[in-house]
Protein backbone atom coordinates (compact mmCIF):
# COMPACT_ATOMS: atom_id res chain seq x y z
CA MET A 1 212.84 99.36 46.15
CA SER A 2 214.60 102.54 47.01
CA GLU A 3 218.15 102.95 48.20
CA ARG A 4 218.70 102.91 51.89
CA LEU A 5 220.33 106.07 53.35
CA LYS A 6 223.81 106.00 54.92
CA PRO A 7 225.35 108.42 57.48
CA GLY A 8 226.52 111.60 55.58
CA ASP A 9 223.67 111.55 53.01
CA THR A 10 221.38 114.41 52.87
CA ALA A 11 217.99 113.52 54.48
CA PRO A 12 215.25 113.69 51.95
CA ALA A 13 212.97 116.78 52.44
CA PHE A 14 209.26 116.04 53.13
CA THR A 15 206.10 117.80 54.05
CA LEU A 16 203.23 115.50 55.24
CA PRO A 17 200.02 116.01 57.11
CA ASP A 18 200.08 115.28 60.93
CA ALA A 19 197.31 113.80 62.96
CA ASP A 20 195.51 117.07 62.87
CA GLY A 21 196.01 117.64 59.19
CA ASN A 22 198.67 120.22 59.60
CA ASP A 23 201.76 120.17 57.56
CA VAL A 24 204.90 118.71 59.25
CA SER A 25 208.24 119.06 57.44
CA LEU A 26 211.81 118.30 58.10
CA ALA A 27 212.67 121.93 57.32
CA ASP A 28 210.60 122.98 60.33
CA HIS A 29 213.22 121.34 62.54
CA LYS A 30 216.29 122.93 60.91
CA GLY A 31 218.91 123.55 63.67
CA ARG A 32 217.60 120.70 65.69
CA LYS A 33 218.34 116.92 65.52
CA VAL A 34 215.36 114.87 64.51
CA ILE A 35 214.67 111.08 64.87
CA VAL A 36 212.35 110.06 62.08
CA TYR A 37 210.94 106.66 62.58
CA PHE A 38 208.93 104.68 60.07
CA TYR A 39 206.29 102.10 61.14
CA PRO A 40 203.75 100.07 59.16
CA ARG A 41 200.44 100.86 60.71
CA ALA A 42 198.87 102.71 63.54
CA LEU A 43 196.84 100.97 66.11
CA THR A 44 198.69 97.51 65.83
CA PRO A 45 200.52 96.04 68.65
CA GLY A 46 204.18 96.46 67.64
CA CYS A 47 203.62 99.96 66.29
CA THR A 48 201.79 100.98 69.53
CA LYS A 49 204.67 99.48 71.61
CA GLN A 50 207.20 101.51 69.54
CA ALA A 51 205.13 104.72 69.67
CA CYS A 52 204.61 104.40 73.48
CA ASP A 53 208.27 103.83 74.03
CA PHE A 54 209.10 107.00 72.11
CA THR A 55 206.57 108.99 74.10
CA ASP A 56 207.74 107.57 77.34
CA ASN A 57 211.28 108.76 76.46
CA LEU A 58 210.36 112.06 74.71
CA ASP A 59 211.44 114.21 77.57
CA LEU A 60 214.82 112.54 77.70
CA LEU A 61 215.23 112.84 73.83
CA THR A 62 214.00 116.38 73.81
CA ALA A 63 216.38 117.47 76.64
CA ALA A 64 219.35 115.89 74.51
CA GLY A 65 218.28 118.14 71.49
CA TYR A 66 216.27 115.56 69.55
CA ASP A 67 212.71 115.95 68.01
CA VAL A 68 210.74 112.83 67.09
CA ILE A 69 208.51 112.29 64.04
CA GLY A 70 206.85 108.98 63.42
CA ILE A 71 205.75 108.33 59.85
CA SER A 72 203.35 105.55 58.53
CA PRO A 73 201.10 105.27 55.48
CA ASP A 74 198.07 106.06 57.56
CA LYS A 75 195.63 108.94 56.96
CA PRO A 76 195.49 111.82 59.47
CA GLU A 77 192.17 110.51 60.92
CA LYS A 78 193.62 107.35 61.79
CA LEU A 79 196.80 109.04 63.28
CA ALA A 80 194.57 111.15 65.40
CA LYS A 81 192.68 108.08 66.75
CA PHE A 82 196.06 106.33 67.41
CA ARG A 83 197.44 109.41 69.22
CA ASP A 84 194.36 109.95 71.34
CA GLU A 85 193.82 106.25 72.24
CA GLU A 86 197.40 105.77 73.30
CA ASN A 87 198.11 109.29 74.80
CA LEU A 88 200.99 109.74 72.37
CA LYS A 89 203.15 112.85 72.54
CA VAL A 90 205.35 112.28 69.58
CA THR A 91 204.50 113.94 66.23
CA LEU A 92 202.80 111.59 63.90
CA ALA A 93 202.64 112.17 60.21
CA GLY A 94 200.83 110.25 57.38
CA ASP A 95 202.35 109.31 53.97
CA PRO A 96 199.47 107.46 52.09
CA ALA A 97 201.37 108.03 48.78
CA LYS A 98 204.47 106.35 50.30
CA GLU A 99 206.70 108.87 48.67
CA THR A 100 208.63 109.74 51.84
CA LEU A 101 208.70 106.11 52.94
CA GLU A 102 210.39 105.28 49.52
CA ALA A 103 212.79 108.33 49.62
CA TYR A 104 214.13 107.02 53.05
CA GLY A 105 214.44 103.51 51.91
CA ALA A 106 211.70 102.46 54.41
CA PHE A 107 209.36 100.76 51.88
CA GLY A 108 210.24 97.72 49.77
CA GLU A 109 210.49 94.03 49.83
CA LYS A 110 210.48 92.46 53.30
CA GLN A 111 209.95 89.19 54.93
CA ASN A 112 206.56 88.73 56.70
CA TYR A 113 205.82 85.30 58.23
CA GLY A 114 208.19 83.56 55.74
CA LYS A 115 206.89 85.23 52.70
CA THR A 116 208.36 88.17 50.67
CA VAL A 117 205.92 91.02 50.60
CA MET A 118 206.03 94.76 49.65
CA GLY A 119 205.48 96.93 52.72
CA VAL A 120 206.92 99.43 55.26
CA ILE A 121 210.31 98.46 56.51
CA ARG A 122 210.50 99.41 60.23
CA SER A 123 213.23 101.95 60.23
CA THR A 124 214.76 104.91 62.23
CA ILE A 125 216.82 107.72 60.57
CA VAL A 126 218.55 110.17 62.86
CA VAL A 127 219.08 113.61 61.15
CA ASP A 128 221.63 116.19 62.35
CA GLU A 129 221.01 119.78 62.75
CA ASN A 130 222.18 120.37 59.13
CA GLY A 131 219.84 117.92 57.43
CA LYS A 132 222.39 115.07 57.20
CA VAL A 133 221.90 111.51 58.08
CA GLU A 134 223.75 110.73 61.30
CA HIS A 135 222.51 107.10 61.74
CA ALA A 136 220.27 104.89 59.70
CA PHE A 137 218.69 101.97 61.30
CA TYR A 138 216.61 99.42 59.15
CA ASN A 139 214.61 96.30 59.93
CA VAL A 140 214.53 97.29 63.59
CA ARG A 141 212.31 95.47 66.25
CA ALA A 142 209.39 97.45 67.61
CA THR A 143 210.37 96.37 71.27
CA GLY A 144 213.66 97.63 72.72
CA HIS A 145 214.54 99.77 69.85
CA VAL A 146 214.04 103.07 71.56
CA ALA A 147 216.38 101.87 74.38
CA LYS A 148 219.00 101.05 71.73
CA ILE A 149 218.72 104.25 70.09
CA ILE A 150 219.23 106.11 73.38
CA LYS A 151 222.22 103.90 74.05
CA ASP A 152 223.61 104.34 70.49
CA LEU A 153 223.23 108.17 70.76
CA GLY A 154 225.10 108.19 74.30
CA ILE A 155 222.02 109.81 75.91
């Protein structure tokens, strides 16, 4: 399992395909704050709830200077279906190789129904304008997490 990030760490660079197969990279957002959230799988109930919460609050977050990128191990085709079925407005990126997930400490051992399994650890990393980690939230819940982030960020 990779190391979890802490405030002050440099956020690992990444370039991943979005739902349309276009490259999305952290460097594209230099000068803006970015909320990078990691979720296990598109088109599942918890992940849908979380993505819809981010979409519902996107105008508020954008007005406060934050861009939002959701990353899962899904391929672009599945991300496009997820975006279209749920009318999502957040940028979704796929990491089938799980390299970015591991670099952010969002892949490793976790508890699932009482068993220890390897998988995506639902996490949210807030990156400042200079590419440094401002906040790192791990093992977050899908429901209510966006409201907590908004509160924690003072938005």
